[in-house]
N, C-alpha and C. Protein backbone atom coordinates (compact mmCIF):
# COMPACT_ATOMS: atom_id res chain seq x y z
N MET A 1 -7.20 -139.18 -7.98
CA MET A 1 -8.16 -138.25 -7.38
C MET A 1 -8.04 -138.22 -5.86
N PHE A 2 -7.95 -139.46 -5.29
CA PHE A 2 -7.83 -139.58 -3.84
C PHE A 2 -6.51 -139.03 -3.31
N ALA A 3 -5.47 -139.17 -4.13
CA ALA A 3 -4.16 -138.65 -3.73
C ALA A 3 -4.22 -137.12 -3.65
N TRP A 4 -4.87 -136.52 -4.64
CA TRP A 4 -5.01 -135.06 -4.63
C TRP A 4 -5.78 -134.57 -3.39
N ILE A 5 -6.87 -135.30 -3.07
CA ILE A 5 -7.64 -134.92 -1.89
C ILE A 5 -6.81 -135.05 -0.61
N ALA A 6 -6.06 -136.17 -0.53
CA ALA A 6 -5.23 -136.39 0.67
C ALA A 6 -4.16 -135.35 0.78
N GLU A 7 -3.63 -134.87 -0.29
CA GLU A 7 -2.60 -133.82 -0.27
C GLU A 7 -3.14 -132.47 0.10
N ASN A 8 -4.39 -132.24 -0.19
CA ASN A 8 -5.01 -130.92 -0.04
C ASN A 8 -6.13 -130.87 1.03
N ILE A 9 -6.13 -131.84 1.95
CA ILE A 9 -7.23 -131.96 2.90
C ILE A 9 -7.34 -130.73 3.78
N ALA A 10 -6.19 -130.18 4.16
CA ALA A 10 -6.21 -129.01 5.04
C ALA A 10 -6.89 -127.77 4.36
N THR A 11 -6.53 -127.58 3.11
CA THR A 11 -7.08 -126.49 2.30
C THR A 11 -8.61 -126.72 2.09
N ILE A 12 -8.95 -127.93 1.82
CA ILE A 12 -10.39 -128.27 1.59
C ILE A 12 -11.13 -128.04 2.87
N LEU A 13 -10.63 -128.43 4.03
CA LEU A 13 -11.37 -128.24 5.30
C LEU A 13 -11.47 -126.75 5.62
N VAL A 14 -10.42 -125.92 5.39
CA VAL A 14 -10.53 -124.50 5.66
C VAL A 14 -11.57 -123.84 4.72
N CYS A 15 -11.59 -124.24 3.49
CA CYS A 15 -12.60 -123.70 2.59
C CYS A 15 -14.03 -124.07 3.01
N LEU A 16 -14.23 -125.27 3.48
CA LEU A 16 -15.53 -125.73 3.90
C LEU A 16 -15.95 -124.93 5.12
N VAL A 17 -15.05 -124.70 6.05
CA VAL A 17 -15.35 -123.95 7.28
C VAL A 17 -15.70 -122.49 6.91
N LEU A 18 -14.95 -121.91 6.03
CA LEU A 18 -15.20 -120.51 5.61
C LEU A 18 -16.55 -120.39 4.86
N ALA A 19 -16.84 -121.39 4.02
CA ALA A 19 -18.16 -121.40 3.33
C ALA A 19 -19.30 -121.56 4.36
N LEU A 20 -19.14 -122.34 5.40
CA LEU A 20 -20.14 -122.52 6.40
C LEU A 20 -20.35 -121.19 7.16
N VAL A 21 -19.31 -120.51 7.48
CA VAL A 21 -19.38 -119.23 8.21
C VAL A 21 -20.13 -118.21 7.38
N VAL A 22 -19.76 -118.15 6.09
CA VAL A 22 -20.47 -117.16 5.17
C VAL A 22 -21.92 -117.54 5.08
N ALA A 23 -22.24 -118.76 4.98
CA ALA A 23 -23.65 -119.21 4.86
C ALA A 23 -24.44 -118.83 6.12
N LEU A 24 -23.80 -119.03 7.28
CA LEU A 24 -24.48 -118.66 8.49
C LEU A 24 -24.71 -117.19 8.61
N ILE A 25 -23.74 -116.38 8.15
CA ILE A 25 -23.93 -114.92 8.19
C ILE A 25 -25.03 -114.49 7.27
N VAL A 26 -25.11 -115.09 6.10
CA VAL A 26 -26.21 -114.74 5.16
C VAL A 26 -27.54 -115.14 5.73
N VAL A 27 -27.63 -116.32 6.34
CA VAL A 27 -28.91 -116.80 6.94
C VAL A 27 -29.31 -115.81 8.04
N LYS A 28 -28.37 -115.35 8.86
CA LYS A 28 -28.68 -114.44 9.95
C LYS A 28 -29.15 -113.08 9.38
N LEU A 29 -28.56 -112.61 8.34
CA LEU A 29 -28.97 -111.34 7.73
C LEU A 29 -30.37 -111.43 7.14
N VAL A 30 -30.62 -112.57 6.46
CA VAL A 30 -31.93 -112.76 5.83
C VAL A 30 -33.02 -112.87 6.90
N ARG A 31 -32.76 -113.58 7.99
CA ARG A 31 -33.70 -113.72 9.07
C ARG A 31 -33.96 -112.36 9.74
N GLY A 32 -32.87 -111.59 9.91
CA GLY A 32 -33.03 -110.26 10.52
C GLY A 32 -33.85 -109.36 9.65
N ARG A 33 -33.62 -109.41 8.36
CA ARG A 33 -34.39 -108.57 7.42
C ARG A 33 -35.89 -108.91 7.45
N LYS A 34 -36.15 -110.23 7.49
CA LYS A 34 -37.56 -110.68 7.57
C LYS A 34 -38.25 -110.29 8.84
N ASN A 35 -37.49 -110.15 9.92
CA ASN A 35 -38.04 -109.81 11.22
C ASN A 35 -38.13 -108.26 11.38
N GLY A 36 -37.73 -107.53 10.38
CA GLY A 36 -37.83 -106.08 10.47
C GLY A 36 -36.65 -105.35 11.04
N CYS A 37 -35.57 -106.06 11.26
CA CYS A 37 -34.37 -105.39 11.78
C CYS A 37 -33.75 -104.51 10.76
N ALA A 38 -33.38 -103.29 11.14
CA ALA A 38 -32.72 -102.37 10.23
C ALA A 38 -31.25 -102.74 10.13
N SER A 39 -30.68 -102.43 8.95
CA SER A 39 -29.30 -102.75 8.76
C SER A 39 -28.37 -101.76 9.39
N CYS A 40 -28.85 -100.61 9.85
CA CYS A 40 -28.00 -99.57 10.40
C CYS A 40 -27.75 -99.71 11.88
N GLY A 41 -28.58 -100.42 12.63
CA GLY A 41 -28.44 -100.70 14.03
C GLY A 41 -29.22 -99.74 14.84
N GLY A 42 -29.70 -98.62 14.29
CA GLY A 42 -30.54 -97.73 15.04
C GLY A 42 -29.90 -96.68 15.89
N ASN A 43 -28.58 -96.61 15.95
CA ASN A 43 -27.92 -95.55 16.71
C ASN A 43 -27.70 -94.33 15.86
N CYS A 44 -28.69 -93.45 15.87
CA CYS A 44 -28.65 -92.27 14.99
C CYS A 44 -27.84 -91.11 15.55
N GLY A 45 -27.40 -91.23 16.76
CA GLY A 45 -26.62 -90.12 17.38
C GLY A 45 -25.32 -89.85 16.69
N CYS A 46 -24.71 -90.89 16.20
CA CYS A 46 -23.36 -90.71 15.54
C CYS A 46 -23.46 -90.87 14.02
N CYS A 47 -24.63 -90.86 13.46
CA CYS A 47 -24.80 -91.10 12.01
C CYS A 47 -24.91 -89.70 11.30
N PRO A 48 -24.12 -89.50 10.26
CA PRO A 48 -24.20 -88.21 9.52
C PRO A 48 -25.50 -87.98 8.79
N THR A 49 -26.23 -89.03 8.53
CA THR A 49 -27.49 -88.89 7.77
C THR A 49 -28.73 -89.22 8.63
N ASP A 50 -28.62 -88.90 9.96
CA ASP A 50 -29.69 -89.25 10.86
C ASP A 50 -31.01 -88.56 10.54
N CYS A 51 -30.96 -87.32 10.06
CA CYS A 51 -32.22 -86.59 9.78
C CYS A 51 -32.94 -87.12 8.56
N SER A 52 -32.25 -87.77 7.62
CA SER A 52 -32.92 -88.27 6.41
C SER A 52 -33.34 -89.75 6.59
N CYS A 53 -32.92 -90.41 7.60
CA CYS A 53 -33.21 -91.85 7.79
C CYS A 53 -34.48 -92.02 8.53
N HIS A 54 -34.57 -91.45 9.72
CA HIS A 54 -35.70 -91.70 10.64
C HIS A 54 -36.41 -90.39 10.95
N LYS A 55 -37.67 -90.41 11.08
CA LYS A 55 -38.40 -89.21 11.49
C LYS A 55 -38.41 -89.15 13.00
N GLN A 56 -38.11 -87.95 13.53
CA GLN A 56 -38.11 -87.83 14.97
C GLN A 56 -39.26 -86.96 15.46
């Protein structure tokens, strides 16, 4: 078991770093949603559905 881990340590570390990055992104999105941040960013000038999204 330890030999396999030693042979694949680089792959394991890369996977752990990627999992951490994904987890941080999810946490940021959840916190933003709870704080009322919209997912679109609010720039309606270049959005093709601006009239159906926000009332002006």
